[in-house]
Amino acid sequence: MTFNPATLRYNDQGLIPAVAQDATSGEVLMMAWMNAESVTRTLLTGNVTYWSRSRQAFWVKGESSGHVQKLVDFRVDCDRDCILVTVDQTGPACHTNRRSCFYTAVRDGAEVELMSPQE
């Protein structure tokens, strides 16, 4: 069966959440948004491409920073309203220069920073 990005369930802005996970470690790296065209570009090029809501433009992860995400696997959840991309991540995934965007935990009612920015 051929995949058609139009079969995904996008929100009213035409976007779908995409979670990026390290293909080797399983670590959740980040969450960003895709539209149908960024889904298509990701699958065609193997370079994970998101839609930047603030810039209203396509955003190829690592294009300016060098922190590239190469697509390993593309998965659709059971409701077809969320995507999981497993990736080979070069460098930090987070714009704060941390390996993961999920570097803050809440433990016993307090925020705990789990990792520092990479040098």
PDB file of N, CA and C in Angstrom:
ATOM      1  N   MET A   1       0.846  -1.182   0.000  1.00  0.00           N
ATOM      2  CA  MET A   1       0.000   0.000   0.000  1.00  0.00           C
ATOM      3  C   MET A   1       0.893   1.247   0.000  1.00  0.00           C
ATOM      4  N   THR A   2       0.635   2.144  -0.893  1.00  0.00           N
ATOM      5  CA  THR A   2       1.401   3.383  -1.011  1.00  0.00           C
ATOM      6  C   THR A   2       0.940   4.389   0.044  1.00  0.00           C
ATOM      7  N   PHE A   3       1.906   5.049   0.671  1.00  0.00           N
ATOM      8  CA  PHE A   3       1.584   6.060   1.685  1.00  0.00           C
ATOM      9  C   PHE A   3       1.217   7.374   1.014  1.00  0.00           C
ATOM     10  N   ASN A   4       0.164   7.994   1.515  1.00  0.00           N
ATOM     11  CA  ASN A   4      -0.283   9.298   1.035  1.00  0.00           C
ATOM     12  C   ASN A   4      -0.372  10.242   2.224  1.00  0.00           C
ATOM     13  N   PRO A   5       0.447  11.302   2.263  1.00  0.00           N
ATOM     14  CA  PRO A   5       0.414  12.239   3.397  1.00  0.00           C
ATOM     15  C   PRO A   5      -0.969  12.852   3.645  1.00  0.00           C
ATOM     16  N   ALA A   6      -1.812  12.891   2.647  1.00  0.00           N
ATOM     17  CA  ALA A   6      -3.156  13.457   2.813  1.00  0.00           C
ATOM     18  C   ALA A   6      -4.026  12.597   3.728  1.00  0.00           C
ATOM     19  N   THR A   7      -3.619  11.348   3.980  1.00  0.00           N
ATOM     20  CA  THR A   7      -4.399  10.472   4.853  1.00  0.00           C
ATOM     21  C   THR A   7      -4.145  10.740   6.330  1.00  0.00           C
ATOM     22  N   LEU A   8      -3.157  11.586   6.635  1.00  0.00           N
ATOM     23  CA  LEU A   8      -2.888  11.949   8.022  1.00  0.00           C
ATOM     24  C   LEU A   8      -3.938  12.940   8.501  1.00  0.00           C
ATOM     25  N   ARG A   9      -4.121  13.000   9.813  1.00  0.00           N
ATOM     26  CA  ARG A   9      -5.098  13.920  10.403  1.00  0.00           C
ATOM     27  C   ARG A   9      -4.367  15.151  10.929  1.00  0.00           C
ATOM     28  N   TYR A  10      -4.426  16.224  10.171  1.00  0.00           N
ATOM     29  CA  TYR A  10      -3.776  17.485  10.521  1.00  0.00           C
ATOM     30  C   TYR A  10      -4.735  18.335  11.344  1.00  0.00           C
ATOM     31  N   ASN A  11      -4.178  19.256  12.142  1.00  0.00           N
ATOM     32  CA  ASN A  11      -5.038  20.164  12.907  1.00  0.00           C
ATOM     33  C   ASN A  11      -5.605  21.241  11.986  1.00  0.00           C
ATOM     34  N   ASP A  12      -6.334  22.185  12.548  1.00  0.00           N
ATOM     35  CA  ASP A  12      -6.990  23.199  11.706  1.00  0.00           C
ATOM     36  C   ASP A  12      -6.016  24.177  11.058  1.00  0.00           C
ATOM     37  N   GLN A  13      -4.745  24.139  11.459  1.00  0.00           N
ATOM     38  CA  GLN A  13      -3.714  24.927  10.783  1.00  0.00           C
ATOM     39  C   GLN A  13      -2.976  24.094   9.730  1.00  0.00           C
ATOM     40  N   GLY A  14      -3.419  22.853   9.533  1.00  0.00           N
ATOM     41  CA  GLY A  14      -2.784  21.977   8.558  1.00  0.00           C
ATOM     42  C   GLY A  14      -1.499  21.347   9.057  1.00  0.00           C
ATOM     43  N   LEU A  15      -1.359  21.234  10.391  1.00  0.00           N
ATOM     44  CA  LEU A  15      -0.129  20.732  10.997  1.00  0.00           C
ATOM     45  C   LEU A  15      -0.366  19.450  11.781  1.00  0.00           C
ATOM     46  N   ILE A  16       0.695  18.676  11.914  1.00  0.00           N
ATOM     47  CA  ILE A  16       0.657  17.443  12.696  1.00  0.00           C
ATOM     48  C   ILE A  16       1.910  17.412  13.568  1.00  0.00           C
ATOM     49  N   PRO A  17       1.794  17.020  14.846  1.00  0.00           N
ATOM     50  CA  PRO A  17       2.986  16.946  15.697  1.00  0.00           C
ATOM     51  C   PRO A  17       3.886  15.801  15.251  1.00  0.00           C
ATOM     52  N   ALA A  18       5.186  16.058  15.306  1.00  0.00           N
ATOM     53  CA  ALA A  18       6.187  15.053  14.957  1.00  0.00           C
ATOM     54  C   ALA A  18       7.202  14.967  16.089  1.00  0.00           C
ATOM     55  N   VAL A  19       7.335  13.794  16.656  1.00  0.00           N
ATOM     56  CA  VAL A  19       8.285  13.544  17.735  1.00  0.00           C
ATOM     57  C   VAL A  19       9.521  12.908  17.110  1.00  0.00           C
ATOM     58  N   ALA A  20      10.685  13.453  17.431  1.00  0.00           N
ATOM     59  CA  ALA A  20      11.947  12.902  16.946  1.00  0.00           C
ATOM     60  C   ALA A  20      12.604  12.101  18.063  1.00  0.00           C
ATOM     61  N   GLN A  21      12.989  10.873  17.727  1.00  0.00           N
ATOM     62  CA  GLN A  21      13.597   9.955  18.679  1.00  0.00           C
ATOM     63  C   GLN A  21      14.912   9.445  18.100  1.00  0.00           C
ATOM     64  N   ASP A  22      15.943   9.368  18.927  1.00  0.00           N
ATOM     65  CA  ASP A  22      17.221   8.834  18.479  1.00  0.00           C
ATOM     66  C   ASP A  22      17.051   7.353  18.132  1.00  0.00           C
ATOM     67  N   ALA A  23      17.432   6.980  16.927  1.00  0.00           N
ATOM     68  CA  ALA A  23      17.229   5.616  16.446  1.00  0.00           C
ATOM     69  C   ALA A  23      18.072   4.591  17.202  1.00  0.00           C
ATOM     70  N   THR A  24      19.197   5.006  17.741  1.00  0.00           N
ATOM     71  CA  THR A  24      20.082   4.080  18.442  1.00  0.00           C
ATOM     72  C   THR A  24      19.737   3.963  19.921  1.00  0.00           C
ATOM     73  N   SER A  25      19.619   5.100  20.608  1.00  0.00           N
ATOM     74  CA  SER A  25      19.423   5.080  22.064  1.00  0.00           C
ATOM     75  C   SER A  25      17.956   5.032  22.481  1.00  0.00           C
ATOM     76  N   GLY A  26      17.050   5.456  21.592  1.00  0.00           N
ATOM     77  CA  GLY A  26      15.640   5.538  21.947  1.00  0.00           C
ATOM     78  C   GLY A  26      15.276   6.825  22.664  1.00  0.00           C
ATOM     79  N   GLU A  27      16.253   7.682  22.915  1.00  0.00           N
ATOM     80  CA  GLU A  27      16.011   8.948  23.612  1.00  0.00           C
ATOM     81  C   GLU A  27      15.079   9.847  22.788  1.00  0.00           C
ATOM     82  N   VAL A  28      14.083  10.424  23.449  1.00  0.00           N
ATOM     83  CA  VAL A  28      13.220  11.398  22.784  1.00  0.00           C
ATOM     84  C   VAL A  28      13.991  12.708  22.713  1.00  0.00           C
ATOM     85  N   LEU A  29      14.145  13.233  21.504  1.00  0.00           N
ATOM     86  CA  LEU A  29      14.986  14.408  21.287  1.00  0.00           C
ATOM     87  C   LEU A  29      14.199  15.706  21.240  1.00  0.00           C
ATOM     88  N   MET A  30      13.083  15.705  20.542  1.00  0.00           N
ATOM     89  CA  MET A  30      12.344  16.958  20.364  1.00  0.00           C
ATOM     90  C   MET A  30      10.974  16.669  19.787  1.00  0.00           C
ATOM     91  N   MET A  31      10.149  17.693  19.759  1.00  0.00           N
ATOM     92  CA  MET A  31       8.854  17.668  19.103  1.00  0.00           C
ATOM     93  C   MET A  31       8.755  18.943  18.279  1.00  0.00           C
ATOM     94  N   ALA A  32       8.263  18.807  17.065  1.00  0.00           N
ATOM     95  CA  ALA A  32       8.047  19.962  16.197  1.00  0.00           C
ATOM     96  C   ALA A  32       6.839  19.654  15.322  1.00  0.00           C
ATOM     97  N   TRP A  33       6.533  20.552  14.438  1.00  0.00           N
ATOM     98  CA  TRP A  33       5.344  20.416  13.593  1.00  0.00           C
ATOM     99  C   TRP A  33       5.719  20.146  12.147  1.00  0.00           C
ATOM    100  N   MET A  34       4.889  19.373  11.480  1.00  0.00           N
ATOM    101  CA  MET A  34       5.026  19.137  10.045  1.00  0.00           C
ATOM    102  C   MET A  34       3.688  19.442   9.379  1.00  0.00           C
ATOM    103  N   ASN A  35       3.756  19.787   8.108  1.00  0.00           N
ATOM    104  CA  ASN A  35       2.552  19.843   7.285  1.00  0.00           C
ATOM    105  C   ASN A  35       2.721  18.782   6.196  1.00  0.00           C
ATOM    106  N   ALA A  36       1.761  18.656   5.304  1.00  0.00           N
ATOM    107  CA  ALA A  36       1.815  17.600   4.290  1.00  0.00           C
ATOM    108  C   ALA A  36       3.068  17.719   3.423  1.00  0.00           C
ATOM    109  N   GLU A  37       3.454  18.933   3.082  1.00  0.00           N
ATOM    110  CA  GLU A  37       4.635  19.120   2.239  1.00  0.00           C
ATOM    111  C   GLU A  37       5.922  18.767   2.982  1.00  0.00           C
ATOM    112  N   SER A  38       6.023  19.096   4.267  1.00  0.00           N
ATOM    113  CA  SER A  38       7.238  18.732   5.002  1.00  0.00           C
ATOM    114  C   SER A  38       7.320  17.221   5.211  1.00  0.00           C
ATOM    115  N   VAL A  39       6.179  16.558   5.351  1.00  0.00           N
ATOM    116  CA  VAL A  39       6.160  15.094   5.408  1.00  0.00           C
ATOM    117  C   VAL A  39       6.726  14.537   4.100  1.00  0.00           C
ATOM    118  N   THR A  40       6.235  15.047   2.987  1.00  0.00           N
ATOM    119  CA  THR A  40       6.693  14.593   1.678  1.00  0.00           C
ATOM    120  C   THR A  40       8.181  14.841   1.496  1.00  0.00           C
ATOM    121  N   ARG A  41       8.640  16.032   1.848  1.00  0.00           N
ATOM    122  CA  ARG A  41      10.068  16.371   1.712  1.00  0.00           C
ATOM    123  C   ARG A  41      10.937  15.463   2.569  1.00  0.00           C
ATOM    124  N   THR A  42      10.481  15.184   3.791  1.00  0.00           N
ATOM    125  CA  THR A  42      11.229  14.296   4.683  1.00  0.00           C
ATOM    126  C   THR A  42      11.379  12.917   4.061  1.00  0.00           C
ATOM    127  N   LEU A  43      10.288  12.385   3.552  1.00  0.00           N
ATOM    128  CA  LEU A  43      10.321  11.039   2.977  1.00  0.00           C
ATOM    129  C   LEU A  43      11.129  10.981   1.676  1.00  0.00           C
ATOM    130  N   LEU A  44      11.088  12.036   0.884  1.00  0.00           N
ATOM    131  CA  LEU A  44      11.818  12.050  -0.384  1.00  0.00           C
ATOM    132  C   LEU A  44      13.319  12.250  -0.206  1.00  0.00           C
ATOM    133  N   THR A  45      13.702  13.103   0.757  1.00  0.00           N
ATOM    134  CA  THR A  45      15.113  13.472   0.892  1.00  0.00           C
ATOM    135  C   THR A  45      15.855  12.696   1.983  1.00  0.00           C
ATOM    136  N   GLY A  46      15.122  12.202   2.985  1.00  0.00           N
ATOM    137  CA  GLY A  46      15.770  11.575   4.133  1.00  0.00           C
ATOM    138  C   GLY A  46      16.306  12.574   5.138  1.00  0.00           C
ATOM    139  N   ASN A  47      16.115  13.873   4.860  1.00  0.00           N
ATOM    140  CA  ASN A  47      16.474  14.940   5.795  1.00  0.00           C
ATOM    141  C   ASN A  47      15.183  15.401   6.470  1.00  0.00           C
ATOM    142  N   VAL A  48      15.130  15.297   7.796  1.00  0.00           N
ATOM    143  CA  VAL A  48      13.880  15.620   8.484  1.00  0.00           C
ATOM    144  C   VAL A  48      13.594  17.107   8.323  1.00  0.00           C
ATOM    145  N   THR A  49      12.397  17.375   7.817  1.00  0.00           N
ATOM    146  CA  THR A  49      11.969  18.734   7.491  1.00  0.00           C
ATOM    147  C   THR A  49      10.701  19.052   8.267  1.00  0.00           C
ATOM    148  N   TYR A  50      10.730  20.146   8.984  1.00  0.00           N
ATOM    149  CA  TYR A  50       9.589  20.571   9.793  1.00  0.00           C
ATOM    150  C   TYR A  50       8.999  21.845   9.198  1.00  0.00           C
ATOM    151  N   TRP A  51       7.871  22.271   9.779  1.00  0.00           N
ATOM    152  CA  TRP A  51       7.265  23.551   9.429  1.00  0.00           C
ATOM    153  C   TRP A  51       7.432  24.471  10.628  1.00  0.00           C
ATOM    154  N   SER A  52       8.094  25.604  10.428  1.00  0.00           N
ATOM    155  CA  SER A  52       8.291  26.575  11.499  1.00  0.00           C
ATOM    156  C   SER A  52       7.064  27.476  11.570  1.00  0.00           C
ATOM    157  N   ARG A  53       6.345  27.389  12.678  1.00  0.00           N
ATOM    158  CA  ARG A  53       5.158  28.233  12.847  1.00  0.00           C
ATOM    159  C   ARG A  53       5.537  29.689  12.992  1.00  0.00           C
ATOM    160  N   SER A  54       6.666  29.983  13.656  1.00  0.00           N
ATOM    161  CA  SER A  54       7.063  31.378  13.869  1.00  0.00           C
ATOM    162  C   SER A  54       7.545  32.032  12.577  1.00  0.00           C
ATOM    163  N   ARG A  55       8.262  31.283  11.753  1.00  0.00           N
ATOM    164  CA  ARG A  55       8.783  31.843  10.501  1.00  0.00           C
ATOM    165  C   ARG A  55       7.871  31.595   9.302  1.00  0.00           C
ATOM    166  N   GLN A  56       6.879  30.709   9.503  1.00  0.00           N
ATOM    167  CA  GLN A  56       5.989  30.329   8.395  1.00  0.00           C
ATOM    168  C   GLN A  56       6.809  29.860   7.190  1.00  0.00           C
ATOM    169  N   ALA A  57       7.740  28.927   7.483  1.00  0.00           N
ATOM    170  CA  ALA A  57       8.636  28.438   6.440  1.00  0.00           C
ATOM    171  C   ALA A  57       9.086  27.018   6.785  1.00  0.00           C
ATOM    172  N   PHE A  58       9.553  26.301   5.764  1.00  0.00           N
ATOM    173  CA  PHE A  58      10.114  24.979   6.003  1.00  0.00           C
ATOM    174  C   PHE A  58      11.431  25.119   6.743  1.00  0.00           C
ATOM    175  N   TRP A  59      11.710  24.119   7.571  1.00  0.00           N
ATOM    176  CA  TRP A  59      12.898  24.125   8.409  1.00  0.00           C
ATOM    177  C   TRP A  59      13.515  22.735   8.315  1.00  0.00           C
ATOM    178  N   VAL A  60      14.606  22.628   7.583  1.00  0.00           N
ATOM    179  CA  VAL A  60      15.340  21.367   7.488  1.00  0.00           C
ATOM    180  C   VAL A  60      16.275  21.322   8.683  1.00  0.00           C
ATOM    181  N   LYS A  61      16.037  20.376   9.565  1.00  0.00           N
ATOM    182  CA  LYS A  61      16.811  20.296  10.801  1.00  0.00           C
ATOM    183  C   LYS A  61      18.295  20.203  10.479  1.00  0.00           C
ATOM    184  N   GLY A  62      19.072  21.122  11.015  1.00  0.00           N
ATOM    185  CA  GLY A  62      20.511  21.137  10.847  1.00  0.00           C
ATOM    186  C   GLY A  62      21.012  21.938   9.666  1.00  0.00           C
ATOM    187  N   GLU A  63      20.103  22.510   8.891  1.00  0.00           N
ATOM    188  CA  GLU A  63      20.500  23.258   7.696  1.00  0.00           C
ATOM    189  C   GLU A  63      21.429  24.420   8.032  1.00  0.00           C
ATOM    190  N   SER A  64      21.153  25.121   9.121  1.00  0.00           N
ATOM    191  CA  SER A  64      22.023  26.237   9.494  1.00  0.00           C
ATOM    192  C   SER A  64      22.978  25.871  10.630  1.00  0.00           C
ATOM    193  N   SER A  65      22.575  24.967  11.523  1.00  0.00           N
ATOM    194  CA  SER A  65      23.403  24.634  12.695  1.00  0.00           C
ATOM    195  C   SER A  65      24.378  23.489  12.448  1.00  0.00           C
ATOM    196  N   GLY A  66      24.084  22.658  11.456  1.00  0.00           N
ATOM    197  CA  GLY A  66      24.877  21.457  11.242  1.00  0.00           C
ATOM    198  C   GLY A  66      24.427  20.285  12.093  1.00  0.00           C
ATOM    199  N   HIS A  67      23.418  20.488  12.923  1.00  0.00           N
ATOM    200  CA  HIS A  67      22.891  19.442  13.807  1.00  0.00           C
ATOM    201  C   HIS A  67      21.787  18.676  13.078  1.00  0.00           C
ATOM    202  N   VAL A  68      22.199  17.929  12.098  1.00  0.00           N
ATOM    203  CA  VAL A  68      21.317  17.279  11.135  1.00  0.00           C
ATOM    204  C   VAL A  68      20.575  16.093  11.736  1.00  0.00           C
ATOM    205  N   GLN A  69      19.338  15.909  11.267  1.00  0.00           N
ATOM    206  CA  GLN A  69      18.572  14.704  11.577  1.00  0.00           C
ATOM    207  C   GLN A  69      18.364  13.939  10.271  1.00  0.00           C
ATOM    208  N   LYS A  70      18.982  12.761  10.183  1.00  0.00           N
ATOM    209  CA  LYS A  70      18.789  11.870   9.041  1.00  0.00           C
ATOM    210  C   LYS A  70      17.704  10.867   9.406  1.00  0.00           C
ATOM    211  N   LEU A  71      16.720  10.746   8.559  1.00  0.00           N
ATOM    212  CA  LEU A  71      15.593   9.857   8.811  1.00  0.00           C
ATOM    213  C   LEU A  71      16.026   8.405   8.770  1.00  0.00           C
ATOM    214  N   VAL A  72      15.662   7.650   9.807  1.00  0.00           N
ATOM    215  CA  VAL A  72      15.874   6.209   9.849  1.00  0.00           C
ATOM    216  C   VAL A  72      14.546   5.496   9.615  1.00  0.00           C
ATOM    217  N   ASP A  73      13.497   5.955  10.311  1.00  0.00           N
ATOM    218  CA  ASP A  73      12.172   5.335  10.186  1.00  0.00           C
ATOM    219  C   ASP A  73      11.106   6.400  10.385  1.00  0.00           C
ATOM    220  N   PHE A  74      10.000   6.244   9.700  1.00  0.00           N
ATOM    221  CA  PHE A  74       8.879   7.178   9.759  1.00  0.00           C
ATOM    222  C   PHE A  74       7.656   6.384  10.172  1.00  0.00           C
ATOM    223  N   ARG A  75       7.061   6.747  11.305  1.00  0.00           N
ATOM    224  CA  ARG A  75       5.919   5.993  11.826  1.00  0.00           C
ATOM    225  C   ARG A  75       4.731   6.916  12.065  1.00  0.00           C
ATOM    226  N   VAL A  76       3.556   6.353  11.878  1.00  0.00           N
ATOM    227  CA  VAL A  76       2.293   7.063  12.069  1.00  0.00           C
ATOM    228  C   VAL A  76       1.556   6.384  13.215  1.00  0.00           C
ATOM    229  N   ASP A  77       1.004   7.167  14.144  1.00  0.00           N
ATOM    230  CA  ASP A  77       0.299   6.553  15.268  1.00  0.00           C
ATOM    231  C   ASP A  77      -1.073   6.027  14.834  1.00  0.00           C
ATOM    232  N   CYS A  78      -1.729   5.303  15.745  1.00  0.00           N
ATOM    233  CA  CYS A  78      -2.986   4.606  15.444  1.00  0.00           C
ATOM    234  C   CYS A  78      -4.110   5.538  15.018  1.00  0.00           C
ATOM    235  N   ASP A  79      -4.119   6.766  15.514  1.00  0.00           N
ATOM    236  CA  ASP A  79      -5.162   7.733  15.138  1.00  0.00           C
ATOM    237  C   ASP A  79      -4.767   8.554  13.918  1.00  0.00           C
ATOM    238  N   ARG A  80      -3.545   8.365  13.430  1.00  0.00           N
ATOM    239  CA  ARG A  80      -3.007   9.071  12.268  1.00  0.00           C
ATOM    240  C   ARG A  80      -2.904  10.580  12.512  1.00  0.00           C
ATOM    241  N   ASP A  81      -2.776  10.988  13.806  1.00  0.00           N
ATOM    242  CA  ASP A  81      -2.690  12.407  14.125  1.00  0.00           C
ATOM    243  C   ASP A  81      -1.381  12.788  14.810  1.00  0.00           C
ATOM    244  N   CYS A  82      -0.386  11.900  14.731  1.00  0.00           N
ATOM    245  CA  CYS A  82       0.930  12.168  15.295  1.00  0.00           C
ATOM    246  C   CYS A  82       1.946  11.306  14.554  1.00  0.00           C
ATOM    247  N   ILE A  83       3.141  11.854  14.393  1.00  0.00           N
ATOM    248  CA  ILE A  83       4.217  11.163  13.677  1.00  0.00           C
ATOM    249  C   ILE A  83       5.377  10.936  14.636  1.00  0.00           C
ATOM    250  N   LEU A  84       6.042   9.800  14.463  1.00  0.00           N
ATOM    251  CA  LEU A  84       7.294   9.516  15.153  1.00  0.00           C
ATOM    252  C   LEU A  84       8.359   9.328  14.080  1.00  0.00           C
ATOM    253  N   VAL A  85       9.390  10.154  14.134  1.00  0.00           N
ATOM    254  CA  VAL A  85      10.521   9.960  13.239  1.00  0.00           C
ATOM    255  C   VAL A  85      11.698   9.483  14.079  1.00  0.00           C
ATOM    256  N   THR A  86      12.251   8.346  13.707  1.00  0.00           N
ATOM    257  CA  THR A  86      13.482   7.927  14.363  1.00  0.00           C
ATOM    258  C   THR A  86      14.610   8.409  13.468  1.00  0.00           C
ATOM    259  N   VAL A  87      15.644   8.944  14.118  1.00  0.00           N
ATOM    260  CA  VAL A  87      16.671   9.683  13.379  1.00  0.00           C
ATOM    261  C   VAL A  87      18.072   9.329  13.846  1.00  0.00           C
ATOM    262  N   ASP A  88      19.016   9.557  12.958  1.00  0.00           N
ATOM    263  CA  ASP A  88      20.421   9.647  13.325  1.00  0.00           C
ATOM    264  C   ASP A  88      20.675  11.128  13.539  1.00  0.00           C
ATOM    265  N   GLN A  89      20.913  11.512  14.776  1.00  0.00           N
ATOM    266  CA  GLN A  89      21.085  12.916  15.154  1.00  0.00           C
ATOM    267  C   GLN A  89      22.562  13.267  15.215  1.00  0.00           C
ATOM    268  N   THR A  90      22.948  14.307  14.500  1.00  0.00           N
ATOM    269  CA  THR A  90      24.307  14.839  14.583  1.00  0.00           C
ATOM    270  C   THR A  90      24.274  16.038  15.516  1.00  0.00           C
ATOM    271  N   GLY A  91      25.031  15.989  16.607  1.00  0.00           N
ATOM    272  CA  GLY A  91      25.067  17.101  17.554  1.00  0.00           C
ATOM    273  C   GLY A  91      23.782  17.205  18.349  1.00  0.00           C
ATOM    274  N   PRO A  92      23.599  18.329  19.053  1.00  0.00           N
ATOM    275  CA  PRO A  92      22.409  18.519  19.874  1.00  0.00           C
ATOM    276  C   PRO A  92      21.157  18.700  19.011  1.00  0.00           C
ATOM    277  N   ALA A  93      20.032  18.242  19.528  1.00  0.00           N
ATOM    278  CA  ALA A  93      18.763  18.402  18.822  1.00  0.00           C
ATOM    279  C   ALA A  93      18.068  19.702  19.210  1.00  0.00           C
ATOM    280  N   CYS A  94      18.330  20.184  20.414  1.00  0.00           N
ATOM    281  CA  CYS A  94      17.624  21.353  20.937  1.00  0.00           C
ATOM    282  C   CYS A  94      18.331  22.660  20.538  1.00  0.00           C
ATOM    283  N   HIS A  95      17.532  23.692  20.289  1.00  0.00           N
ATOM    284  CA  HIS A  95      18.107  24.995  19.943  1.00  0.00           C
ATOM    285  C   HIS A  95      18.880  25.616  21.104  1.00  0.00           C
ATOM    286  N   THR A  96      18.737  25.054  22.325  1.00  0.00           N
ATOM    287  CA  THR A  96      19.509  25.523  23.475  1.00  0.00           C
ATOM    288  C   THR A  96      20.878  24.847  23.543  1.00  0.00           C
ATOM    289  N   ASN A  97      21.195  24.060  22.535  1.00  0.00           N
ATOM    290  CA  ASN A  97      22.459  23.328  22.416  1.00  0.00           C
ATOM    291  C   ASN A  97      22.541  22.145  23.375  1.00  0.00           C
ATOM    292  N   ARG A  98      21.388  21.617  23.760  1.00  0.00           N
ATOM    293  CA  ARG A  98      21.334  20.402  24.572  1.00  0.00           C
ATOM    294  C   ARG A  98      20.984  19.226  23.664  1.00  0.00           C
ATOM    295  N   ARG A  99      21.347  18.047  24.077  1.00  0.00           N
ATOM    296  CA  ARG A  99      21.079  16.832  23.298  1.00  0.00           C
ATOM    297  C   ARG A  99      19.592  16.671  23.025  1.00  0.00           C
ATOM    298  N   SER A 100      18.752  16.961  24.007  1.00  0.00           N
ATOM    299  CA  SER A 100      17.300  16.803  23.900  1.00  0.00           C
ATOM    300  C   SER A 100      16.610  18.074  24.377  1.00  0.00           C
ATOM    301  N   CYS A 101      15.458  18.347  23.798  1.00  0.00           N
ATOM    302  CA  CYS A 101      14.646  19.475  24.274  1.00  0.00           C
ATOM    303  C   CYS A 101      14.009  19.160  25.627  1.00  0.00           C
ATOM    304  N   PHE A 102      13.959  17.887  25.987  1.00  0.00           N
ATOM    305  CA  PHE A 102      13.318  17.464  27.230  1.00  0.00           C
ATOM    306  C   PHE A 102      14.358  17.342  28.341  1.00  0.00           C
ATOM    307  N   TYR A 103      14.944  18.484  28.695  1.00  0.00           N
ATOM    308  CA  TYR A 103      16.026  18.505  29.681  1.00  0.00           C
ATOM    309  C   TYR A 103      15.564  18.978  31.055  1.00  0.00           C
ATOM    310  N   THR A 104      14.279  19.267  31.207  1.00  0.00           N
ATOM    311  CA  THR A 104      13.753  19.706  32.498  1.00  0.00           C
ATOM    312  C   THR A 104      12.753  18.678  33.013  1.00  0.00           C
ATOM    313  N   ALA A 105      12.989  18.186  34.225  1.00  0.00           N
ATOM    314  CA  ALA A 105      12.073  17.264  34.883  1.00  0.00           C
ATOM    315  C   ALA A 105      11.406  17.986  36.045  1.00  0.00           C
ATOM    316  N   VAL A 106      10.239  17.515  36.426  1.00  0.00           N
ATOM    317  CA  VAL A 106       9.579  18.011  37.636  1.00  0.00           C
ATOM    318  C   VAL A 106       9.596  16.858  38.630  1.00  0.00           C
ATOM    319  N   ARG A 107      10.326  17.068  39.721  1.00  0.00           N
ATOM    320  CA  ARG A 107      10.492  16.029  40.741  1.00  0.00           C
ATOM    321  C   ARG A 107      10.213  16.621  42.106  1.00  0.00           C
ATOM    322  N   ASP A 108       9.299  15.990  42.813  1.00  0.00           N
ATOM    323  CA  ASP A 108       8.893  16.463  44.141  1.00  0.00           C
ATOM    324  C   ASP A 108       8.494  17.932  44.099  1.00  0.00           C
ATOM    325  N   GLY A 109       7.807  18.327  43.034  1.00  0.00           N
ATOM    326  CA  GLY A 109       7.289  19.687  42.918  1.00  0.00           C
ATOM    327  C   GLY A 109       8.299  20.727  42.475  1.00  0.00           C
ATOM    328  N   ALA A 110       9.511  20.312  42.169  1.00  0.00           N
ATOM    329  CA  ALA A 110      10.552  21.266  41.762  1.00  0.00           C
ATOM    330  C   ALA A 110      11.073  20.909  40.372  1.00  0.00           C
ATOM    331  N   GLU A 111      11.448  21.944  39.623  1.00  0.00           N
ATOM    332  CA  GLU A 111      12.070  21.724  38.327  1.00  0.00           C
ATOM    333  C   GLU A 111      13.538  21.367  38.515  1.00  0.00           C
ATOM    334  N   VAL A 112      13.970  20.361  37.779  1.00  0.00           N
ATOM    335  CA  VAL A 112      15.346  19.886  37.845  1.00  0.00           C
ATOM    336  C   VAL A 112      15.906  19.875  36.423  1.00  0.00           C
ATOM    337  N   GLU A 113      17.015  20.557  36.226  1.00  0.00           N
ATOM    338  CA  GLU A 113      17.670  20.557  34.901  1.00  0.00           C
ATOM    339  C   GLU A 113      18.517  19.292  34.806  1.00  0.00           C
ATOM    340  N   LEU A 114      18.223  18.468  33.802  1.00  0.00           N
ATOM    341  CA  LEU A 114      18.877  17.176  33.668  1.00  0.00           C
ATOM    342  C   LEU A 114      20.165  17.198  32.853  1.00  0.00           C
ATOM    343  N   MET A 115      20.316  18.217  32.012  1.00  0.00           N
ATOM    344  CA  MET A 115      21.540  18.279  31.204  1.00  0.00           C
ATOM    345  C   MET A 115      21.869  19.730  30.903  1.00  0.00           C
ATOM    346  N   SER A 116      23.140  19.983  30.764  1.00  0.00           N
ATOM    347  CA  SER A 116      23.623  21.325  30.422  1.00  0.00           C
ATOM    348  C   SER A 116      23.823  21.421  28.918  1.00  0.00           C
ATOM    349  N   PRO A 117      23.905  22.650  28.414  1.00  0.00           N
ATOM    350  CA  PRO A 117      24.214  22.809  26.986  1.00  0.00           C
ATOM    351  C   PRO A 117      25.569  22.181  26.667  1.00  0.00           C
ATOM    352  N   GLN A 118      25.671  21.651  25.454  1.00  0.00           N
ATOM    353  CA  GLN A 118      26.947  21.089  24.999  1.00  0.00           C
ATOM    354  C   GLN A 118      27.889  22.214  24.642  1.00  0.00           C
ATOM    355  N   GLU A 119      29.152  21.986  24.834  1.00  0.00           N
ATOM    356  CA  GLU A 119      30.169  23.003  24.511  1.00  0.00           C
ATOM    357  C   GLU A 119      30.489  22.980  23.050  1.00  0.00           C
TER     358      GLU A 119
END
